[in-house]
Amino acid sequence: MLSATDVNSFQFALDHITAWCNDWQLQTAVNKCSILNIGRTTTSDDLQIDGNVLPMVSTVKDLDSNLSSTSHVMSVVFTANQRVSFFMDHSV
């Protein structure tokens, strides 16, 4: 578990990144942000960007919490197989 100091430091960094984005009129895609705990050190604290609590996830598009890309690769292969099947079924 992260210490309260670590969590506060991380939240401080997120706040400064958000302020920088606002200063430069850049929008933050908060809906694309999440927390992925990696390794033994985890946090259950609510971290926020612009007042929005970031959801905890066990995987992201390319990685899971073990830093494995297996689920992403399987998803890409599944999609490729669907498309190949579609073209084979609709070929002349």
Protein backbone atom coordinates (compact mmCIF):
# COMPACT_ATOMS: atom_id res chain seq x y z
CA MET A 1 0.00 0.00 0.00
CA LEU A 2 1.26 3.48 -0.83
CA SER A 3 1.85 5.84 2.06
CA ALA A 4 -0.35 8.89 2.51
CA THR A 5 2.66 11.02 1.54
CA ASP A 6 3.05 9.12 -1.74
CA VAL A 7 -0.64 9.48 -2.57
CA ASN A 8 -0.56 13.20 -1.72
CA SER A 9 2.53 13.67 -3.88
CA PHE A 10 0.91 11.91 -6.79
CA GLN A 11 -2.29 13.96 -6.41
CA PHE A 12 -0.15 17.11 -6.24
CA ALA A 13 1.50 16.12 -9.53
CA LEU A 14 -1.87 15.44 -11.17
CA ASP A 15 -3.13 18.84 -9.98
CA HIS A 16 -0.08 20.58 -11.46
CA ILE A 17 -0.44 18.77 -14.78
CA THR A 18 -4.12 19.79 -14.88
CA ALA A 19 -3.24 23.40 -14.06
CA TRP A 20 -0.59 23.44 -16.80
CA CYS A 21 -3.11 22.05 -19.32
CA ASN A 22 -5.64 24.68 -18.28
CA ASP A 23 -3.04 27.47 -18.57
CA TRP A 24 -2.26 26.37 -22.11
CA GLN A 25 -5.97 25.82 -22.92
CA LEU A 26 -5.49 22.09 -23.43
CA GLN A 27 -8.33 19.80 -22.55
CA THR A 28 -7.61 16.72 -20.49
CA ALA A 29 -9.41 13.58 -21.69
CA VAL A 30 -10.33 12.51 -18.16
CA ASN A 31 -12.61 9.78 -19.51
CA LYS A 32 -9.49 8.10 -20.95
CA CYS A 33 -7.60 8.23 -17.64
CA SER A 34 -7.52 5.49 -15.02
CA ILE A 35 -5.33 3.94 -12.35
CA LEU A 36 -3.57 0.64 -13.04
CA ASN A 37 -1.81 -0.77 -9.99
CA ILE A 38 1.40 -2.54 -10.99
CA GLY A 39 3.35 -4.79 -8.68
CA ARG A 40 2.90 -5.13 -4.94
CA THR A 41 2.56 -1.43 -4.22
CA THR A 42 -1.07 -0.46 -4.71
CA THR A 43 -3.38 2.35 -3.82
CA SER A 44 -7.04 2.32 -3.02
CA ASP A 45 -7.20 6.08 -2.51
CA ASP A 46 -9.29 8.21 -4.81
CA LEU A 47 -7.02 10.13 -7.15
CA GLN A 48 -8.66 12.87 -9.17
CA ILE A 49 -8.18 14.96 -12.27
CA ASP A 50 -10.19 18.16 -12.37
CA GLY A 51 -12.47 16.87 -9.60
CA ASN A 52 -13.17 13.58 -11.41
CA VAL A 53 -12.22 10.43 -9.50
CA LEU A 54 -10.07 8.15 -11.62
CA PRO A 55 -11.39 4.58 -11.85
CA MET A 56 -9.23 1.62 -10.81
CA VAL A 57 -8.74 -0.88 -13.64
CA SER A 58 -7.02 -4.26 -13.92
CA THR A 59 -6.11 -3.83 -17.59
CA VAL A 60 -5.66 -1.01 -20.07
CA LYS A 61 -5.77 -1.24 -23.85
CA ASP A 62 -2.26 -2.65 -24.25
CA LEU A 63 -1.32 -4.01 -20.81
CA ASP A 64 -2.60 -5.75 -17.74
CA SER A 65 -1.33 -5.38 -14.18
CA ASN A 66 1.42 -7.93 -14.88
CA LEU A 67 2.66 -5.74 -17.78
CA SER A 68 1.54 -8.47 -20.17
CA SER A 69 0.13 -7.62 -23.58
CA THR A 70 -1.55 -11.02 -23.96
CA SER A 71 -5.12 -9.75 -23.62
CA HIS A 72 -4.44 -6.96 -26.13
CA VAL A 73 -2.88 -9.37 -28.62
CA MET A 74 -5.81 -11.78 -28.22
CA SER A 75 -8.23 -8.92 -28.90
CA VAL A 76 -6.34 -7.89 -32.06
CA VAL A 77 -6.24 -11.50 -33.29
CA PHE A 78 -9.97 -11.93 -32.61
CA THR A 79 -10.79 -8.77 -34.58
CA ALA A 80 -8.51 -9.83 -37.45
CA ASN A 81 -10.17 -13.26 -37.58
CA GLN A 82 -13.61 -11.64 -37.70
CA ARG A 83 -12.58 -9.43 -40.62
CA VAL A 84 -10.97 -12.30 -42.53
CA SER A 85 -14.11 -14.38 -41.99
CA PHE A 86 -16.28 -11.51 -43.25
CA PHE A 87 -14.22 -11.12 -46.43
CA MET A 88 -14.11 -14.87 -47.05
CA ASP A 89 -17.91 -15.11 -46.67
CA HIS A 90 -18.46 -12.17 -49.05
CA SER A 91 -15.85 -12.94 -51.69
CA VAL A 92 -16.88 -13.76 -55.23
